[in-house]
Amino acid sequence: MVKLANPLYTEWILEAIKKVKKQKQRPSEERICNAVSSSHGLDRKTVLEQLELSVKDGTILKVSNKGLNSYKDPDNPGRIALPKPRNHGKLDGKPNVDWNKLIKRAIEGLAESSGSSLKNIERFLKGQKDVSALFGGSGTSIFHQQLRLAVKRAVGHGRLLKDGPLYQLNTKAAINADGKESCESLSCLPPVSLLPHEKDKPVAEPIPICSFCLGTKEQNREKKPEELISCADCGNSGHPSCLKFSPELTVRVKALRWQCIECKTCSSCRDQGKNADNMLFCDSCDRGFHMECCDPPLTRMPKGEDSV
């Protein structure tokens, strides 16, 4: 499973690089770690990990000269500029994005009989004027990240069918943006509880910014207050509305040790890396399960709105 840099930590590292350069010093790993730790209290191991991921993302530039590594702000369209938590001005014009509808539009527009690759889906959407207006320029990197996560979640919830690298719409699965069907079924289910191996497990400090719309609990992309749900493993957070969680699912998820899509492990075998592409997400609790770990084991992705 590919791990991405945390946008908030990337911004902290960029601030540290700027601070070190103002001091007329080379932005080395050691100086960046000291600056981030001093300003935000982040440990050295996490800073180095996020620095490496940011370099891979292209949001930070690594330059080697005579065996010494320096880091720079590339100051190009790939940079993700986060708004300050207390300043919502940059979020005022942030429109709502329905990823299910965008993915459906792309696959229908491509009309590829055998299915469409993620690369083709992304290329198609970038050619749409309305999408380009939303994610042009500095939003290119975050667009790719959110599209990839949205496609993976759509497969997990049965909205898309995956055959190797190709994706097709599941015509038997109606995309219900309001989650009404889920609400009706969830109300009949028994309450959820922590699994034995989840009890007394440490929880990461929540990051107070939504990874999707970059808003806070004071303001989501609809300019309304909304509590964040945070990953127990990495602290990444998201508004339930950005995660496409119904109110009923949100209540159930808050009672659990929730994991984001990047940290999701199989709740049966507790393994993350094994057959990550065959991970299913439960519609009633959002836990992850490998197809082979289900009881009985599954040999192919379920069709329709089947839950695990």
C-alpha atoms as a PDB file:
ATOM      1  CA  MET A   1       0.000   0.000   0.000  1.00  0.00           C
ATOM      2  CA  VAL A   2       1.428   3.357  -1.042  1.00  0.00           C
ATOM      3  CA  LYS A   3       1.885   5.822   1.798  1.00  0.00           C
ATOM      4  CA  LEU A   4       1.550   9.537   1.060  1.00  0.00           C
ATOM      5  CA  ALA A   5       3.014  12.536   2.825  1.00  0.00           C
ATOM      6  CA  ASN A   6       0.763  14.308   5.299  1.00  0.00           C
ATOM      7  CA  PRO A   7      -0.028  17.763   3.797  1.00  0.00           C
ATOM      8  CA  LEU A   8       0.139  19.454   7.204  1.00  0.00           C
ATOM      9  CA  TYR A   9       3.569  18.022   7.990  1.00  0.00           C
ATOM     10  CA  THR A  10       4.762  18.941   4.493  1.00  0.00           C
ATOM     11  CA  GLU A  11       3.755  22.549   5.180  1.00  0.00           C
ATOM     12  CA  TRP A  12       5.654  22.481   8.477  1.00  0.00           C
ATOM     13  CA  ILE A  13       8.753  21.188   6.694  1.00  0.00           C
ATOM     14  CA  LEU A  14       8.448  23.901   4.042  1.00  0.00           C
ATOM     15  CA  GLU A  15       8.240  26.501   6.814  1.00  0.00           C
ATOM     16  CA  ALA A  16      11.351  24.981   8.403  1.00  0.00           C
ATOM     17  CA  ILE A  17      13.263  25.128   5.098  1.00  0.00           C
ATOM     18  CA  LYS A  18      12.356  28.803   4.752  1.00  0.00           C
ATOM     19  CA  LYS A  19      13.419  29.489   8.336  1.00  0.00           C
ATOM     20  CA  VAL A  20      16.786  27.756   7.896  1.00  0.00           C
ATOM     21  CA  LYS A  21      17.487  29.629   4.641  1.00  0.00           C
ATOM     22  CA  LYS A  22      16.719  32.962   6.351  1.00  0.00           C
ATOM     23  CA  GLN A  23      19.487  32.085   8.788  1.00  0.00           C
ATOM     24  CA  LYS A  24      21.843  31.771   5.794  1.00  0.00           C
ATOM     25  CA  GLN A  25      22.254  28.060   6.457  1.00  0.00           C
ATOM     26  CA  ARG A  26      21.862  24.954   4.286  1.00  0.00           C
ATOM     27  CA  PRO A  27      18.485  23.233   4.825  1.00  0.00           C
ATOM     28  CA  SER A  28      19.904  19.851   5.817  1.00  0.00           C
ATOM     29  CA  GLU A  29      17.971  16.997   7.388  1.00  0.00           C
ATOM     30  CA  GLU A  30      19.385  17.831  10.812  1.00  0.00           C
ATOM     31  CA  ARG A  31      18.452  21.527  10.638  1.00  0.00           C
ATOM     32  CA  ILE A  32      14.979  20.773   9.261  1.00  0.00           C
ATOM     33  CA  CYS A  33      14.342  18.248  12.046  1.00  0.00           C
ATOM     34  CA  ASN A  34      15.468  20.733  14.702  1.00  0.00           C
ATOM     35  CA  ALA A  35      13.302  23.520  13.251  1.00  0.00           C
ATOM     36  CA  VAL A  36      10.142  21.399  12.995  1.00  0.00           C
ATOM     37  CA  SER A  37      10.686  19.899  16.441  1.00  0.00           C
ATOM     38  CA  SER A  38      11.226  23.352  17.953  1.00  0.00           C
ATOM     39  CA  SER A  39       8.127  24.872  16.329  1.00  0.00           C
ATOM     40  CA  HIS A  40       5.679  21.966  16.418  1.00  0.00           C
ATOM     41  CA  GLY A  41       7.138  19.291  18.721  1.00  0.00           C
ATOM     42  CA  LEU A  42       7.263  16.627  16.002  1.00  0.00           C
ATOM     43  CA  ASP A  43       9.789  13.849  16.662  1.00  0.00           C
ATOM     44  CA  ARG A  44      12.833  13.353  14.434  1.00  0.00           C
ATOM     45  CA  LYS A  45      11.732   9.969  13.053  1.00  0.00           C
ATOM     46  CA  THR A  46       8.392  11.350  11.857  1.00  0.00           C
ATOM     47  CA  VAL A  47      10.000  14.442  10.317  1.00  0.00           C
ATOM     48  CA  LEU A  48      12.494  12.331   8.354  1.00  0.00           C
ATOM     49  CA  GLU A  49       9.741   9.970   7.178  1.00  0.00           C
ATOM     50  CA  GLN A  50       7.505  12.836   6.067  1.00  0.00           C
ATOM     51  CA  LEU A  51      10.446  14.582   4.408  1.00  0.00           C
ATOM     52  CA  GLU A  52      11.157  11.485   2.328  1.00  0.00           C
ATOM     53  CA  LEU A  53       7.495  11.082   1.382  1.00  0.00           C
ATOM     54  CA  SER A  54       7.258  14.757   0.445  1.00  0.00           C
ATOM     55  CA  VAL A  55      10.255  14.372  -1.846  1.00  0.00           C
ATOM     56  CA  LYS A  56       8.538  11.419  -3.527  1.00  0.00           C
ATOM     57  CA  ASP A  57       5.343  13.479  -3.858  1.00  0.00           C
ATOM     58  CA  GLY A  58       7.281  16.277  -5.512  1.00  0.00           C
ATOM     59  CA  THR A  59       6.171  18.860  -2.939  1.00  0.00           C
ATOM     60  CA  ILE A  60       9.762  19.196  -1.691  1.00  0.00           C
ATOM     61  CA  LEU A  61      12.877  19.167  -3.857  1.00  0.00           C
ATOM     62  CA  LYS A  62      15.952  17.183  -2.793  1.00  0.00           C
ATOM     63  CA  VAL A  63      19.294  18.429  -4.119  1.00  0.00           C
ATOM     64  CA  SER A  64      22.561  16.489  -3.685  1.00  0.00           C
ATOM     65  CA  ASN A  65      25.908  18.217  -4.004  1.00  0.00           C
ATOM     66  CA  LYS A  66      29.261  16.626  -3.111  1.00  0.00           C
ATOM     67  CA  GLY A  67      27.522  13.994  -1.013  1.00  0.00           C
ATOM     68  CA  LEU A  68      25.483  16.497   0.976  1.00  0.00           C
ATOM     69  CA  ASN A  69      21.691  16.669   0.716  1.00  0.00           C
ATOM     70  CA  SER A  70      19.762  19.924   0.784  1.00  0.00           C
ATOM     71  CA  TYR A  71      16.030  20.483   0.519  1.00  0.00           C
ATOM     72  CA  LYS A  72      14.188  23.230  -1.300  1.00  0.00           C
ATOM     73  CA  ASP A  73      10.685  24.518  -1.834  1.00  0.00           C
ATOM     74  CA  PRO A  74      10.146  23.905  -5.582  1.00  0.00           C
ATOM     75  CA  ASP A  75       7.586  26.741  -5.631  1.00  0.00           C
ATOM     76  CA  ASN A  76       5.801  25.150  -8.560  1.00  0.00           C
ATOM     77  CA  PRO A  77       2.164  24.166  -9.249  1.00  0.00           C
ATOM     78  CA  GLY A  78       2.659  20.848  -7.463  1.00  0.00           C
ATOM     79  CA  ARG A  79       3.026  22.550  -4.107  1.00  0.00           C
ATOM     80  CA  ILE A  80       0.169  22.076  -1.676  1.00  0.00           C
ATOM     81  CA  ALA A  81      -0.465  25.324   0.154  1.00  0.00           C
ATOM     82  CA  LEU A  82      -2.508  24.772   3.297  1.00  0.00           C
ATOM     83  CA  PRO A  83      -4.672  27.518   4.769  1.00  0.00           C
ATOM     84  CA  LYS A  84      -4.046  28.510   8.330  1.00  0.00           C
ATOM     85  CA  PRO A  85      -6.555  26.891  10.723  1.00  0.00           C
ATOM     86  CA  ARG A  86      -7.733  30.271  12.023  1.00  0.00           C
ATOM     87  CA  ASN A  87      -8.140  31.840   8.601  1.00  0.00           C
ATOM     88  CA  HIS A  88     -11.052  30.531   6.578  1.00  0.00           C
ATOM     89  CA  GLY A  89     -10.809  33.098   3.824  1.00  0.00           C
ATOM     90  CA  LYS A  90      -9.166  30.662   1.415  1.00  0.00           C
ATOM     91  CA  LEU A  91     -11.930  28.154   2.021  1.00  0.00           C
ATOM     92  CA  ASP A  92     -14.823  30.489   1.320  1.00  0.00           C
ATOM     93  CA  GLY A  93     -14.865  29.668  -2.381  1.00  0.00           C
ATOM     94  CA  LYS A  94     -14.192  25.941  -1.931  1.00  0.00           C
ATOM     95  CA  PRO A  95     -17.023  24.096  -3.689  1.00  0.00           C
ATOM     96  CA  ASN A  96     -18.329  20.678  -2.806  1.00  0.00           C
ATOM     97  CA  VAL A  97     -16.863  17.816  -4.846  1.00  0.00           C
ATOM     98  CA  ASP A  98     -18.858  14.640  -5.381  1.00  0.00           C
ATOM     99  CA  TRP A  99     -16.168  12.143  -6.329  1.00  0.00           C
ATOM    100  CA  ASN A 100     -18.687   9.398  -7.082  1.00  0.00           C
ATOM    101  CA  LYS A 101     -20.311  11.551  -9.758  1.00  0.00           C
ATOM    102  CA  LEU A 102     -16.961  12.618 -11.218  1.00  0.00           C
ATOM    103  CA  ILE A 103     -15.739   9.027 -11.465  1.00  0.00           C
ATOM    104  CA  LYS A 104     -19.042   7.954 -13.015  1.00  0.00           C
ATOM    105  CA  ARG A 105     -18.835  10.805 -15.549  1.00  0.00           C
ATOM    106  CA  ALA A 106     -15.277   9.846 -16.509  1.00  0.00           C
ATOM    107  CA  ILE A 107     -15.954   6.144 -17.005  1.00  0.00           C
ATOM    108  CA  GLU A 108     -19.142   6.809 -18.962  1.00  0.00           C
ATOM    109  CA  GLY A 109     -17.373   9.450 -21.054  1.00  0.00           C
ATOM    110  CA  LEU A 110     -14.420   7.193 -21.826  1.00  0.00           C
ATOM    111  CA  ALA A 111     -16.813   4.380 -22.812  1.00  0.00           C
ATOM    112  CA  GLU A 112     -14.063   1.775 -22.788  1.00  0.00           C
ATOM    113  CA  SER A 113     -15.687  -1.650 -23.048  1.00  0.00           C
ATOM    114  CA  SER A 114     -13.029  -3.469 -21.031  1.00  0.00           C
ATOM    115  CA  GLY A 115     -12.830  -0.775 -18.340  1.00  0.00           C
ATOM    116  CA  SER A 116     -10.774   2.372 -17.702  1.00  0.00           C
ATOM    117  CA  SER A 117      -7.440   2.763 -15.953  1.00  0.00           C
ATOM    118  CA  LEU A 118      -6.914   5.272 -13.161  1.00  0.00           C
ATOM    119  CA  LYS A 119      -4.563   7.185 -15.457  1.00  0.00           C
ATOM    120  CA  ASN A 120      -7.240   7.521 -18.151  1.00  0.00           C
ATOM    121  CA  ILE A 121      -9.870   8.526 -15.597  1.00  0.00           C
ATOM    122  CA  GLU A 122      -7.577  11.250 -14.245  1.00  0.00           C
ATOM    123  CA  ARG A 123      -6.679  12.475 -17.722  1.00  0.00           C
ATOM    124  CA  PHE A 124     -10.360  12.638 -18.722  1.00  0.00           C
ATOM    125  CA  LEU A 125     -11.360  14.619 -15.639  1.00  0.00           C
ATOM    126  CA  LYS A 126      -8.471  17.055 -16.000  1.00  0.00           C
ATOM    127  CA  GLY A 127      -9.802  17.810 -19.474  1.00  0.00           C
ATOM    128  CA  GLN A 128     -13.186  18.831 -18.062  1.00  0.00           C
ATOM    129  CA  LYS A 129     -13.513  22.602 -17.679  1.00  0.00           C
ATOM    130  CA  ASP A 130     -15.352  22.514 -14.350  1.00  0.00           C
ATOM    131  CA  VAL A 131     -12.861  20.057 -12.819  1.00  0.00           C
ATOM    132  CA  SER A 132      -9.906  21.996 -14.193  1.00  0.00           C
ATOM    133  CA  ALA A 133     -11.291  25.163 -12.615  1.00  0.00           C
ATOM    134  CA  LEU A 134     -11.464  23.436  -9.223  1.00  0.00           C
ATOM    135  CA  PHE A 135      -8.123  21.666  -9.230  1.00  0.00           C
ATOM    136  CA  GLY A 136      -5.979  23.582 -11.707  1.00  0.00           C
ATOM    137  CA  GLY A 137      -2.561  24.855 -10.722  1.00  0.00           C
ATOM    138  CA  SER A 138      -1.722  24.213  -7.068  1.00  0.00           C
ATOM    139  CA  GLY A 139      -4.448  21.565  -6.747  1.00  0.00           C
ATOM    140  CA  THR A 140      -2.874  19.069  -9.184  1.00  0.00           C
ATOM    141  CA  SER A 141      -1.133  16.962  -6.557  1.00  0.00           C
ATOM    142  CA  ILE A 142      -4.047  16.840  -4.132  1.00  0.00           C
ATOM    143  CA  PHE A 143      -6.419  16.044  -7.019  1.00  0.00           C
ATOM    144  CA  HIS A 144      -4.427  12.906  -7.862  1.00  0.00           C
ATOM    145  CA  GLN A 145      -4.356  11.846  -4.210  1.00  0.00           C
ATOM    146  CA  GLN A 146      -8.074  12.341  -3.625  1.00  0.00           C
ATOM    147  CA  LEU A 147      -9.061  10.674  -6.894  1.00  0.00           C
ATOM    148  CA  ARG A 148      -6.973   7.611  -6.084  1.00  0.00           C
ATOM    149  CA  LEU A 149      -8.536   7.306  -2.631  1.00  0.00           C
ATOM    150  CA  ALA A 150     -12.040   7.879  -4.002  1.00  0.00           C
ATOM    151  CA  VAL A 151     -11.617   5.136  -6.611  1.00  0.00           C
ATOM    152  CA  LYS A 152     -10.276   2.707  -4.033  1.00  0.00           C
ATOM    153  CA  ARG A 153     -13.167   3.450  -1.682  1.00  0.00           C
ATOM    154  CA  ALA A 154     -15.676   3.084  -4.531  1.00  0.00           C
ATOM    155  CA  VAL A 155     -14.288  -0.391  -5.225  1.00  0.00           C
ATOM    156  CA  GLY A 156     -14.422  -1.279  -1.546  1.00  0.00           C
ATOM    157  CA  HIS A 157     -18.075  -0.252  -1.346  1.00  0.00           C
ATOM    158  CA  GLY A 158     -19.060  -2.021  -4.558  1.00  0.00           C
ATOM    159  CA  ARG A 159     -19.711   1.068  -6.674  1.00  0.00           C
ATOM    160  CA  LEU A 160     -16.889   0.132  -9.053  1.00  0.00           C
ATOM    161  CA  LEU A 161     -15.746  -3.250 -10.337  1.00  0.00           C
ATOM    162  CA  LYS A 162     -11.968  -3.748 -10.544  1.00  0.00           C
ATOM    163  CA  ASP A 163     -10.327  -6.090 -13.039  1.00  0.00           C
ATOM    164  CA  GLY A 164      -6.551  -5.750 -12.773  1.00  0.00           C
ATOM    165  CA  PRO A 165      -5.709  -2.081 -13.456  1.00  0.00           C
ATOM    166  CA  LEU A 166      -9.115  -1.391 -15.055  1.00  0.00           C
ATOM    167  CA  TYR A 167     -12.297  -0.090 -13.452  1.00  0.00           C
ATOM    168  CA  GLN A 168     -15.932  -0.374 -14.560  1.00  0.00           C
ATOM    169  CA  LEU A 169     -19.144   1.004 -13.139  1.00  0.00           C
ATOM    170  CA  ASN A 170     -21.187  -1.517 -11.218  1.00  0.00           C
ATOM    171  CA  THR A 171     -24.525  -0.995 -12.944  1.00  0.00           C
ATOM    172  CA  LYS A 172     -26.346  -2.865 -10.192  1.00  0.00           C
ATOM    173  CA  ALA A 173     -25.063  -0.502  -7.528  1.00  0.00           C
ATOM    174  CA  ALA A 174     -26.917   2.814  -7.321  1.00  0.00           C
ATOM    175  CA  ILE A 175     -24.750   5.638  -5.980  1.00  0.00           C
ATOM    176  CA  ASN A 176     -26.731   7.118  -3.140  1.00  0.00           C
ATOM    177  CA  ALA A 177     -25.018  10.355  -2.113  1.00  0.00           C
ATOM    178  CA  ASP A 178     -27.436  10.837   0.784  1.00  0.00           C
ATOM    179  CA  GLY A 179     -26.741   7.366   2.133  1.00  0.00           C
ATOM    180  CA  LYS A 180     -30.450   6.658   2.701  1.00  0.00           C
ATOM    181  CA  GLU A 181     -30.172   2.924   2.121  1.00  0.00           C
ATOM    182  CA  SER A 182     -27.276   2.712   4.551  1.00  0.00           C
ATOM    183  CA  CYS A 183     -29.254   4.639   7.152  1.00  0.00           C
ATOM    184  CA  GLU A 184     -32.162   2.215   6.989  1.00  0.00           C
ATOM    185  CA  SER A 185     -29.959  -0.885   7.243  1.00  0.00           C
ATOM    186  CA  LEU A 186     -27.643   0.481   9.934  1.00  0.00           C
ATOM    187  CA  SER A 187     -30.534   1.369  12.212  1.00  0.00           C
ATOM    188  CA  CYS A 188     -31.403  -2.320  12.402  1.00  0.00           C
ATOM    189  CA  LEU A 189     -27.877  -3.498  13.262  1.00  0.00           C
ATOM    190  CA  PRO A 190     -26.556  -4.110  16.792  1.00  0.00           C
ATOM    191  CA  PRO A 191     -24.110  -1.557  18.214  1.00  0.00           C
ATOM    192  CA  VAL A 192     -20.421  -1.911  17.396  1.00  0.00           C
ATOM    193  CA  SER A 193     -17.593  -2.332  19.893  1.00  0.00           C
ATOM    194  CA  LEU A 194     -13.806  -2.530  19.978  1.00  0.00           C
ATOM    195  CA  LEU A 195     -12.211  -5.813  18.953  1.00  0.00           C
ATOM    196  CA  PRO A 196     -10.010  -7.528  21.583  1.00  0.00           C
ATOM    197  CA  HIS A 197      -6.760  -6.558  19.832  1.00  0.00           C
ATOM    198  CA  GLU A 198      -7.903  -2.911  19.571  1.00  0.00           C
ATOM    199  CA  LYS A 199      -8.375  -2.375  23.294  1.00  0.00           C
ATOM    200  CA  ASP A 200      -5.697  -0.371  25.121  1.00  0.00           C
ATOM    201  CA  LYS A 201      -3.903   0.304  21.820  1.00  0.00           C
ATOM    202  CA  PRO A 202      -2.336   3.800  21.652  1.00  0.00           C
ATOM    203  CA  VAL A 203      -4.085   6.447  19.568  1.00  0.00           C
ATOM    204  CA  ALA A 204      -2.236   9.027  17.453  1.00  0.00           C
ATOM    205  CA  GLU A 205      -2.729  12.724  18.160  1.00  0.00           C
ATOM    206  CA  PRO A 206      -5.498  13.990  15.840  1.00  0.00           C
ATOM    207  CA  ILE A 207      -4.537  16.481  13.134  1.00  0.00           C
ATOM    208  CA  PRO A 208      -7.067  19.362  13.322  1.00  0.00           C
ATOM    209  CA  ILE A 209      -7.389  19.754   9.529  1.00  0.00           C
ATOM    210  CA  CYS A 210      -9.512  17.752   7.099  1.00  0.00           C
ATOM    211  CA  SER A 211      -7.293  15.937   4.579  1.00  0.00           C
ATOM    212  CA  PHE A 212      -9.903  16.420   1.862  1.00  0.00           C
ATOM    213  CA  CYS A 213     -11.196  20.005   2.005  1.00  0.00           C
ATOM    214  CA  LEU A 214      -8.468  21.385   4.336  1.00  0.00           C
ATOM    215  CA  GLY A 215     -11.146  22.779   6.627  1.00  0.00           C
ATOM    216  CA  THR A 216     -11.382  22.473  10.395  1.00  0.00           C
ATOM    217  CA  LYS A 217     -14.108  21.431  12.820  1.00  0.00           C
ATOM    218  CA  GLU A 218     -15.310  25.057  12.777  1.00  0.00           C
ATOM    219  CA  GLN A 219     -15.949  25.003   9.034  1.00  0.00           C
ATOM    220  CA  ASN A 220     -16.313  22.229   6.454  1.00  0.00           C
ATOM    221  CA  ARG A 221     -16.525  22.733   2.686  1.00  0.00           C
ATOM    222  CA  GLU A 222     -20.171  23.772   3.138  1.00  0.00           C
ATOM    223  CA  LYS A 223     -19.016  26.494   5.577  1.00  0.00           C
ATOM    224  CA  LYS A 224     -20.738  24.686   8.437  1.00  0.00           C
ATOM    225  CA  PRO A 225     -19.310  23.375  11.743  1.00  0.00           C
ATOM    226  CA  GLU A 226     -18.630  19.636  11.633  1.00  0.00           C
ATOM    227  CA  GLU A 227     -16.616  17.441  13.961  1.00  0.00           C
ATOM    228  CA  LEU A 228     -13.637  15.619  12.449  1.00  0.00           C
ATOM    229  CA  ILE A 229     -13.020  11.884  12.491  1.00  0.00           C
ATOM    230  CA  SER A 230      -9.355  11.051  13.055  1.00  0.00           C
ATOM    231  CA  CYS A 231      -7.281   7.999  12.188  1.00  0.00           C
ATOM    232  CA  ALA A 232      -6.124   6.178  15.314  1.00  0.00           C
ATOM    233  CA  ASP A 233      -2.810   5.248  13.686  1.00  0.00           C
ATOM    234  CA  CYS A 234      -1.570   8.406  11.902  1.00  0.00           C
ATOM    235  CA  GLY A 235      -3.885  11.167  13.154  1.00  0.00           C
ATOM    236  CA  ASN A 236      -5.118  12.165   9.670  1.00  0.00           C
ATOM    237  CA  SER A 237      -8.617  13.615   9.914  1.00  0.00           C
ATOM    238  CA  GLY A 238     -11.654  14.115   7.717  1.00  0.00           C
ATOM    239  CA  HIS A 239     -15.160  15.491   7.930  1.00  0.00           C
ATOM    240  CA  PRO A 240     -17.796  12.747   7.757  1.00  0.00           C
ATOM    241  CA  SER A 241     -19.343  14.607   4.815  1.00  0.00           C
ATOM    242  CA  CYS A 242     -16.009  14.568   2.969  1.00  0.00           C
ATOM    243  CA  LEU A 243     -15.653  10.868   3.717  1.00  0.00           C
ATOM    244  CA  LYS A 244     -19.199  10.309   2.397  1.00  0.00           C
ATOM    245  CA  PHE A 245     -20.269   8.850   5.760  1.00  0.00           C
ATOM    246  CA  SER A 246     -23.950   8.901   6.635  1.00  0.00           C
ATOM    247  CA  PRO A 247     -24.883  10.240  10.107  1.00  0.00           C
ATOM    248  CA  GLU A 248     -25.569   6.670  11.281  1.00  0.00           C
ATOM    249  CA  LEU A 249     -22.220   5.370  10.023  1.00  0.00           C
ATOM    250  CA  THR A 250     -20.471   8.332  11.618  1.00  0.00           C
ATOM    251  CA  VAL A 251     -21.898   7.434  15.035  1.00  0.00           C
ATOM    252  CA  ARG A 252     -20.709   3.835  14.635  1.00  0.00           C
ATOM    253  CA  VAL A 253     -17.239   4.817  13.411  1.00  0.00           C
ATOM    254  CA  LYS A 254     -16.722   7.188  16.354  1.00  0.00           C
ATOM    255  CA  ALA A 255     -17.287   4.243  18.705  1.00  0.00           C
ATOM    256  CA  LEU A 256     -14.425   2.335  17.058  1.00  0.00           C
ATOM    257  CA  ARG A 257     -10.690   2.629  16.633  1.00  0.00           C
ATOM    258  CA  TRP A 258     -11.047   4.044  13.106  1.00  0.00           C
ATOM    259  CA  GLN A 259      -8.260   3.818  10.509  1.00  0.00           C
ATOM    260  CA  CYS A 260      -7.938   5.968   7.395  1.00  0.00           C
ATOM    261  CA  ILE A 261      -7.612   4.312   3.994  1.00  0.00           C
ATOM    262  CA  GLU A 262      -3.804   4.574   4.093  1.00  0.00           C
ATOM    263  CA  CYS A 263      -3.483   2.846   7.483  1.00  0.00           C
ATOM    264  CA  LYS A 264      -6.347   0.381   7.083  1.00  0.00           C
ATOM    265  CA  THR A 265      -5.473  -3.130   8.236  1.00  0.00           C
ATOM    266  CA  CYS A 266      -7.547  -6.274   7.922  1.00  0.00           C
ATOM    267  CA  SER A 267      -9.592  -6.621  11.105  1.00  0.00           C
ATOM    268  CA  SER A 268      -9.285 -10.389  10.826  1.00  0.00           C
ATOM    269  CA  CYS A 269      -5.589 -11.086  10.151  1.00  0.00           C
ATOM    270  CA  ARG A 270      -4.417  -7.592  11.246  1.00  0.00           C
ATOM    271  CA  ASP A 271      -2.098  -7.390   8.228  1.00  0.00           C
ATOM    272  CA  GLN A 272      -1.902  -4.249   6.109  1.00  0.00           C
ATOM    273  CA  GLY A 273       0.393  -5.054   3.202  1.00  0.00           C
ATOM    274  CA  LYS A 274      -0.923  -8.478   2.200  1.00  0.00           C
ATOM    275  CA  ASN A 275      -3.206  -8.210  -0.855  1.00  0.00           C
ATOM    276  CA  ALA A 276      -3.980  -4.557  -0.160  1.00  0.00           C
ATOM    277  CA  ASP A 277      -5.873  -4.273  -3.448  1.00  0.00           C
ATOM    278  CA  ASN A 278      -8.292  -6.964  -2.284  1.00  0.00           C
ATOM    279  CA  MET A 279      -9.272  -5.095   0.861  1.00  0.00           C
ATOM    280  CA  LEU A 280     -13.012  -4.635   1.341  1.00  0.00           C
ATOM    281  CA  PHE A 281     -14.585  -1.944   3.513  1.00  0.00           C
ATOM    282  CA  CYS A 282     -17.553  -2.824   5.668  1.00  0.00           C
ATOM    283  CA  ASP A 283     -20.540  -0.574   4.920  1.00  0.00           C
ATOM    284  CA  SER A 284     -21.706  -0.747   8.527  1.00  0.00           C
ATOM    285  CA  CYS A 285     -18.447   0.121  10.338  1.00  0.00           C
ATOM    286  CA  ASP A 286     -15.813   0.945   7.656  1.00  0.00           C
ATOM    287  CA  ARG A 287     -13.453  -1.734   8.948  1.00  0.00           C
ATOM    288  CA  GLY A 288     -11.235  -3.438   6.394  1.00  0.00           C
ATOM    289  CA  PHE A 289     -11.223  -7.134   5.503  1.00  0.00           C
ATOM    290  CA  HIS A 290      -9.252  -9.125   2.948  1.00  0.00           C
ATOM    291  CA  MET A 291     -11.485 -11.149   0.650  1.00  0.00           C
ATOM    292  CA  GLU A 292      -9.770 -14.366   1.752  1.00  0.00           C
ATOM    293  CA  CYS A 293     -10.247 -13.452   5.421  1.00  0.00           C
ATOM    294  CA  CYS A 294     -14.032 -13.194   5.115  1.00  0.00           C
ATOM    295  CA  ASP A 295     -16.183 -16.037   6.405  1.00  0.00           C
ATOM    296  CA  PRO A 296     -16.712 -17.722   3.996  1.00  0.00           C
ATOM    297  CA  PRO A 297     -13.707 -16.496   1.931  1.00  0.00           C
ATOM    298  CA  LEU A 298     -14.508 -14.503  -1.227  1.00  0.00           C
ATOM    299  CA  THR A 299     -12.839 -15.229  -4.565  1.00  0.00           C
ATOM    300  CA  ARG A 300     -13.931 -11.997  -6.296  1.00  0.00           C
ATOM    301  CA  MET A 301     -15.068  -8.501  -5.407  1.00  0.00           C
ATOM    302  CA  PRO A 302     -18.745  -8.435  -4.360  1.00  0.00           C
ATOM    303  CA  LYS A 303     -21.237  -6.817  -6.690  1.00  0.00           C
ATOM    304  CA  GLY A 304     -23.857  -4.251  -5.797  1.00  0.00           C
ATOM    305  CA  GLU A 305     -24.001  -2.793  -2.294  1.00  0.00           C
ATOM    306  CA  ASP A 306     -22.933  -6.003  -0.558  1.00  0.00           C
ATOM    307  CA  SER A 307     -21.153  -5.494   2.739  1.00  0.00           C
ATOM    308  CA  VAL A 308     -18.615  -7.778   4.310  1.00  0.00           C
END
